[in-house]
Protein backbone atom coordinates (compact mmCIF):
# COMPACT_ATOMS: atom_id res chain seq x y z
CA MET A 1 36.43 27.61 -39.72
CA GLU A 2 36.04 30.34 -37.12
CA TYR A 3 37.09 29.88 -33.50
CA LEU A 4 34.22 29.05 -31.17
CA PRO A 5 33.13 31.85 -28.82
CA LEU A 6 32.97 30.98 -25.15
CA PRO A 7 30.11 32.61 -23.23
CA PHE A 8 31.09 34.88 -20.39
CA ILE A 9 30.24 33.87 -16.85
CA SER A 10 28.01 36.58 -15.40
CA LEU A 11 29.45 38.58 -12.53
CA ASN A 12 27.86 39.91 -9.38
CA MET A 13 26.07 43.08 -10.51
CA SER A 14 27.63 45.16 -7.71
CA ARG A 15 31.10 44.35 -9.06
CA LYS A 16 30.41 43.96 -12.77
CA THR A 17 30.75 47.63 -13.74
CA LEU A 18 34.01 47.93 -11.83
CA TYR A 19 35.46 44.85 -13.56
CA ILE A 20 34.47 46.15 -16.98
CA LEU A 21 36.21 49.43 -16.28
CA LEU A 22 39.31 47.67 -15.00
CA ILE A 23 39.41 45.39 -18.01
CA SER A 24 39.11 48.37 -20.36
CA VAL A 25 42.07 50.06 -18.68
CA ILE A 26 44.12 46.86 -18.81
CA LEU A 27 43.40 46.26 -22.47
CA SER A 28 44.56 49.77 -23.33
CA SER A 29 47.76 49.67 -21.31
CA CYS A 30 50.67 47.25 -21.57
CA SER A 31 51.94 48.24 -18.12
CA SER A 32 48.51 47.55 -16.63
CA TYR A 33 48.48 44.16 -18.28
CA ASP A 34 51.91 43.32 -16.84
CA LYS A 35 50.76 44.38 -13.39
CA LEU A 36 47.63 42.24 -13.72
CA LEU A 37 49.73 39.25 -14.71
CA LYS A 38 51.70 39.60 -11.48
CA SER A 39 48.66 40.31 -9.32
CA THR A 40 46.64 37.85 -7.21
CA ASP A 41 43.24 38.92 -8.59
CA ASN A 42 42.46 35.68 -10.42
CA GLN A 43 38.90 36.63 -11.27
CA LEU A 44 40.02 39.82 -12.99
CA LYS A 45 42.72 37.86 -14.80
CA TYR A 46 40.13 35.39 -16.05
CA GLU A 47 37.64 38.03 -17.18
CA THR A 48 40.43 39.94 -18.92
CA ALA A 49 41.59 36.74 -20.62
CA LYS A 50 38.09 36.28 -22.05
CA GLU A 51 38.08 39.86 -23.32
CA LEU A 52 41.49 39.36 -24.90
CA TYR A 53 40.22 36.16 -26.50
CA GLN A 54 37.32 38.02 -28.09
CA LYS A 55 39.81 40.60 -29.39
CA LYS A 56 41.97 37.76 -30.80
CA LYS A 57 44.96 38.68 -28.64
CA TRP A 58 45.79 35.04 -28.18
CA TYR A 59 49.18 35.14 -26.48
CA LYS A 60 48.14 37.61 -23.82
CA ALA A 61 44.99 35.61 -23.12
CA ILE A 62 46.99 32.38 -22.84
CA ALA A 63 49.38 33.90 -20.31
CA LEU A 64 46.49 34.93 -18.08
CA LEU A 65 44.73 31.59 -18.47
CA ASP A 66 47.88 29.71 -17.56
CA ALA A 67 48.17 31.91 -14.48
CA VAL A 68 44.62 31.22 -13.26
CA ALA A 69 44.43 27.52 -14.19
CA PRO A 70 45.83 26.32 -10.81
CA TYR A 71 43.41 28.64 -8.96
CA TYR A 72 40.34 27.18 -10.69
CA LYS A 73 41.53 23.57 -10.59
CA GLY A 74 38.82 21.28 -9.21
CA THR A 75 36.04 23.80 -9.89
CA LYS A 76 33.46 23.99 -12.66
CA GLU A 77 35.38 26.92 -14.12
CA SER A 78 38.43 24.70 -14.70
CA GLU A 79 36.62 23.18 -17.66
CA ASN A 80 36.08 26.57 -19.31
CA VAL A 81 39.65 27.69 -18.63
CA LEU A 82 41.02 24.60 -20.37
CA PHE A 83 38.68 24.94 -23.33
CA LEU A 84 39.39 28.64 -23.73
CA THR A 85 43.14 27.97 -23.65
CA ALA A 86 42.72 25.42 -26.45
CA GLN A 87 40.66 27.93 -28.40
CA CYS A 88 43.39 30.54 -28.08
CA TYR A 89 45.99 28.19 -29.52
CA TYR A 90 43.54 27.27 -32.29
CA GLY A 91 42.91 30.94 -33.04
CA ASN A 92 46.65 31.52 -33.26
CA GLN A 93 46.90 28.61 -35.75
CA GLU A 94 49.04 26.54 -33.38
CA TYR A 95 47.02 23.49 -34.29
CA TYR A 96 49.30 20.83 -32.83
CA THR A 97 49.19 22.47 -29.40
CA ALA A 98 45.47 23.18 -29.69
CA ALA A 99 44.77 19.52 -30.49
CA SER A 100 46.74 18.52 -27.40
CA TYR A 101 44.58 20.77 -25.21
CA TYR A 102 41.36 19.54 -26.82
CA LYS A 103 42.49 15.97 -26.17
CA THR A 104 43.23 16.82 -22.53
CA TYR A 105 39.71 18.22 -22.27
CA THR A 106 38.15 14.99 -23.58
CA THR A 107 40.00 12.89 -21.00
CA THR A 108 39.53 15.32 -18.10
CA PHE A 109 35.90 16.28 -18.80
CA PRO A 110 34.38 13.39 -20.80
CA LYS A 111 30.88 14.75 -20.15
CA GLY A 112 31.80 18.42 -20.33
CA GLU A 113 29.83 21.17 -22.01
CA HIS A 114 32.28 21.42 -24.91
CA ILE A 115 33.00 17.70 -25.33
CA GLU A 116 31.56 17.33 -28.84
CA ASP A 117 33.34 20.43 -30.10
CA CYS A 118 36.63 19.19 -28.65
CA TRP A 119 36.38 15.76 -30.28
CA PHE A 120 35.61 17.43 -33.61
CA LEU A 121 38.38 20.00 -33.28
CA ILE A 122 41.01 17.34 -32.54
CA GLY A 123 40.38 15.91 -35.99
CA TYR A 124 40.01 19.32 -37.59
CA CYS A 125 43.36 20.52 -36.22
CA HIS A 126 45.08 17.50 -37.76
CA TYR A 127 43.11 18.11 -40.97
CA LEU A 128 44.39 21.68 -41.17
CA GLN A 129 47.97 20.41 -40.82
CA SER A 130 47.61 17.71 -43.48
CA PRO A 131 50.28 18.55 -46.09
CA ASP A 132 50.57 18.09 -49.83
CA ALA A 133 50.22 14.46 -50.91
CA ARG A 134 53.89 14.31 -51.88
CA LEU A 135 54.94 14.87 -48.26
CA ASP A 136 54.71 12.73 -45.13
CA GLN A 137 51.06 11.97 -44.37
CA SER A 138 51.21 11.32 -40.61
CA GLU A 139 48.89 14.26 -39.92
CA THR A 140 46.46 13.01 -42.56
CA ILE A 141 46.32 9.59 -40.92
CA ASP A 142 45.89 11.18 -37.47
CA ALA A 143 43.03 13.33 -38.79
CA ILE A 144 41.24 10.30 -40.26
CA LYS A 145 41.61 8.39 -36.99
CA ALA A 146 40.32 11.33 -34.95
CA PHE A 147 37.35 11.94 -37.25
CA ASP A 148 36.53 8.24 -37.23
CA GLU A 149 36.56 8.29 -33.44
CA PHE A 150 34.31 11.35 -33.47
CA LEU A 151 31.74 9.55 -35.65
CA GLN A 152 31.80 6.53 -33.35
CA ILE A 153 31.14 8.69 -30.28
CA PHE A 154 28.69 11.10 -31.94
CA PRO A 155 27.08 9.17 -34.83
CA ASN A 156 24.06 11.52 -34.91
CA SER A 157 26.03 14.75 -34.68
CA GLU A 158 25.08 17.69 -36.88
CA LYS A 159 28.74 17.74 -37.88
CA ALA A 160 28.64 14.16 -39.25
CA ASN A 161 28.22 15.19 -42.89
CA GLU A 162 31.02 17.70 -42.59
CA VAL A 163 33.28 15.10 -40.98
CA ASN A 164 32.51 12.56 -43.71
CA LYS A 165 33.41 15.17 -46.33
CA TYR A 166 36.77 15.81 -44.65
CA MET A 167 37.46 12.08 -44.36
CA SER A 168 36.75 11.53 -48.06
CA GLU A 169 39.14 14.35 -48.93
CA LEU A 170 41.85 12.94 -46.66
CA ASN A 171 41.46 9.40 -47.99
CA GLU A 172 41.68 10.75 -51.52
CA LYS A 173 44.97 12.39 -50.60
CA LEU A 174 46.34 9.08 -49.31
CA ALA A 175 45.15 7.35 -52.47
CA TYR A 176 46.92 9.94 -54.61
CA LYS A 177 50.15 9.58 -52.64
CA ALA A 178 50.00 5.81 -53.15
CA TYR A 179 49.24 6.36 -56.84
CA LEU A 180 52.40 8.45 -57.15
CA SER A 181 54.36 5.53 -55.70
CA ALA A 182 52.83 3.12 -58.21
CA LYS A 183 53.58 5.56 -61.04
CA LEU A 184 57.17 5.88 -59.84
CA TYR A 185 57.61 2.11 -59.99
CA TYR A 186 56.25 2.14 -63.52
CA ASP A 187 58.56 4.97 -64.56
CA LEU A 188 61.57 3.09 -63.12
CA GLY A 189 60.67 0.19 -65.38
CA ASN A 190 63.33 -2.49 -65.44
CA TYR A 191 65.89 -0.37 -63.60
CA LEU A 192 67.61 -2.49 -60.94
CA GLY A 193 64.90 -5.11 -61.04
CA ASN A 194 61.30 -5.69 -62.13
CA ASN A 195 59.61 -2.48 -61.03
CA TYR A 196 56.60 -3.23 -63.21
CA LYS A 197 55.63 -6.01 -60.82
CA SER A 198 55.86 -3.55 -57.90
CA ALA A 199 53.69 -1.08 -59.83
CA ILE A 200 51.05 -3.77 -60.38
CA ILE A 201 51.01 -4.82 -56.72
CA THR A 202 50.91 -1.22 -55.46
CA ALA A 203 48.13 -0.18 -57.84
CA ASN A 204 46.01 -3.23 -56.98
CA ASN A 205 46.42 -2.50 -53.26
CA ILE A 206 45.29 1.09 -53.78
CA ILE A 207 42.14 -0.03 -55.56
CA LYS A 208 41.47 -2.48 -52.75
CA ASP A 209 42.08 0.07 -49.98
CA TYR A 210 40.37 3.01 -51.72
CA PRO A 211 37.67 1.48 -53.98
CA ASN A 212 35.95 4.83 -54.53
CA THR A 213 39.03 6.85 -55.41
CA LYS A 214 38.79 9.12 -58.43
CA TYR A 215 42.13 7.70 -59.57
CA LYS A 216 40.75 4.21 -60.04
CA GLU A 217 40.63 4.39 -63.84
CA GLU A 218 44.20 5.71 -63.99
CA LEU A 219 45.33 2.94 -61.68
CA SER A 220 43.56 0.30 -63.76
CA PHE A 221 45.28 1.55 -66.90
CA LEU A 222 48.61 1.67 -65.05
CA ILE A 223 48.17 -2.01 -64.21
CA LEU A 224 47.47 -2.77 -67.87
CA GLU A 225 50.52 -0.82 -69.02
CA SER A 226 52.72 -2.48 -66.41
CA LYS A 227 51.60 -5.97 -67.39
CA TYR A 228 52.22 -5.16 -71.04
CA GLU A 229 55.73 -3.81 -70.40
CA GLN A 230 56.47 -6.78 -68.16
CA ALA A 231 55.35 -9.13 -70.93
CA LYS A 232 57.63 -7.46 -73.48
CA LEU A 233 60.62 -7.86 -71.18
CA SER A 234 59.85 -11.44 -70.12
CA VAL A 235 61.98 -14.41 -70.98
CA PRO A 236 60.60 -16.42 -73.96
CA ALA A 237 59.15 -19.14 -71.70
CA LYS A 238 56.90 -16.62 -69.92
CA LYS A 239 56.00 -14.25 -72.74
CA VAL A 240 52.79 -15.93 -73.93
CA GLU A 241 51.48 -16.31 -70.39
CA ARG A 242 52.14 -12.66 -69.57
CA TYR A 243 50.65 -11.38 -72.81
CA ARG A 244 47.50 -13.37 -72.00
CA GLU A 245 47.44 -11.75 -68.57
CA THR A 246 47.70 -8.40 -70.34
CA ILE A 247 44.74 -9.28 -72.56
CA ASP A 248 42.70 -10.29 -69.50
CA GLU A 249 43.58 -6.97 -67.87
CA TYR A 250 42.47 -5.13 -70.99
CA PHE A 251 39.01 -6.69 -70.76
CA ASN A 252 38.83 -5.83 -67.06
CA LEU A 253 39.51 -2.21 -67.96
CA ILE A 254 37.09 -1.83 -70.87
CA ASN A 255 34.33 -3.68 -69.03
CA GLU A 256 34.52 -1.21 -66.17
CA TYR A 257 35.29 1.86 -68.29
CA PRO A 258 33.82 1.35 -71.78
CA GLY A 259 34.76 4.35 -73.87
CA GLY A 260 36.92 5.61 -71.03
CA THR A 261 39.81 8.05 -71.05
CA TYR A 262 42.39 5.39 -71.92
CA SER A 263 40.32 3.37 -74.42
CA GLU A 264 42.47 4.12 -77.47
CA ASP A 265 45.77 3.40 -75.74
CA ALA A 266 44.34 0.28 -74.17
CA GLU A 267 43.15 -0.92 -77.58
CA LYS A 268 46.69 -0.60 -78.98
CA ILE A 269 48.07 -2.68 -76.11
CA TYR A 270 45.36 -5.28 -76.63
CA LYS A 271 46.02 -5.64 -80.38
CA SER A 272 49.78 -5.89 -79.86
CA SER A 273 49.35 -8.53 -77.15
CA LEU A 274 46.82 -10.50 -79.17
CA LYS A 275 49.12 -10.47 -82.19
CA PHE A 276 51.96 -11.97 -80.17
CA VAL A 277 49.72 -14.69 -78.65
CA LYS A 278 48.37 -15.70 -82.08
CA GLU A 279 51.80 -15.90 -83.56
């Protein structure tokens, strides 16, 4: 996603040409930029910051914006200074800081010109920082919360479909991370306790929390496998009961996924379980 351009505020025509010339000189000279940073000409600083923003010179623009922010405080321009600062951090891929500035905008200017963009970009910044499913998913959770809040505030936004797409992707990532936990329990087996039971509980919770996940069939088969392994390791008094539970789980799987990916393996588990129950 590209950074959002911020329209320039038109200048007095008698001064506009002079400012353009000054800005051109400043942009081409580091010493001129340093002098401007120390000067008291806040309007020139602001116009130069906008030029630097357009040229994607984020750090230099931020320094000037920070310098003029107190000067414009309490004015209409304060809103644009804050938004442009957030955009600079976003452009520089400092998403955590950018999100903080966007959030400040939403609380300071709840009816501001850029309010919808800011609410969206809070979620999008967290989305961009969402890591691989194997890592901590705090940013993923924060992104989902922010996008959900966006949809509540702007239910008819043109960005709604895009936001829903991002939320589905993020939820799928959380489902996959949980699936990895369930699979780990299964792989641990009977090591230091009944990990099959934990695999069953975890997998069932994932299906409940993420009913549309693409991993649902894998999770359903994992539950079947776990119940089967648990039955094999059960004490004699519980074996028949647990094999019957395995058979019930088999029918749950094939009813939902007839001819599915795991049909052959599931059939072997079913026949083995049925044989034990009959005997």
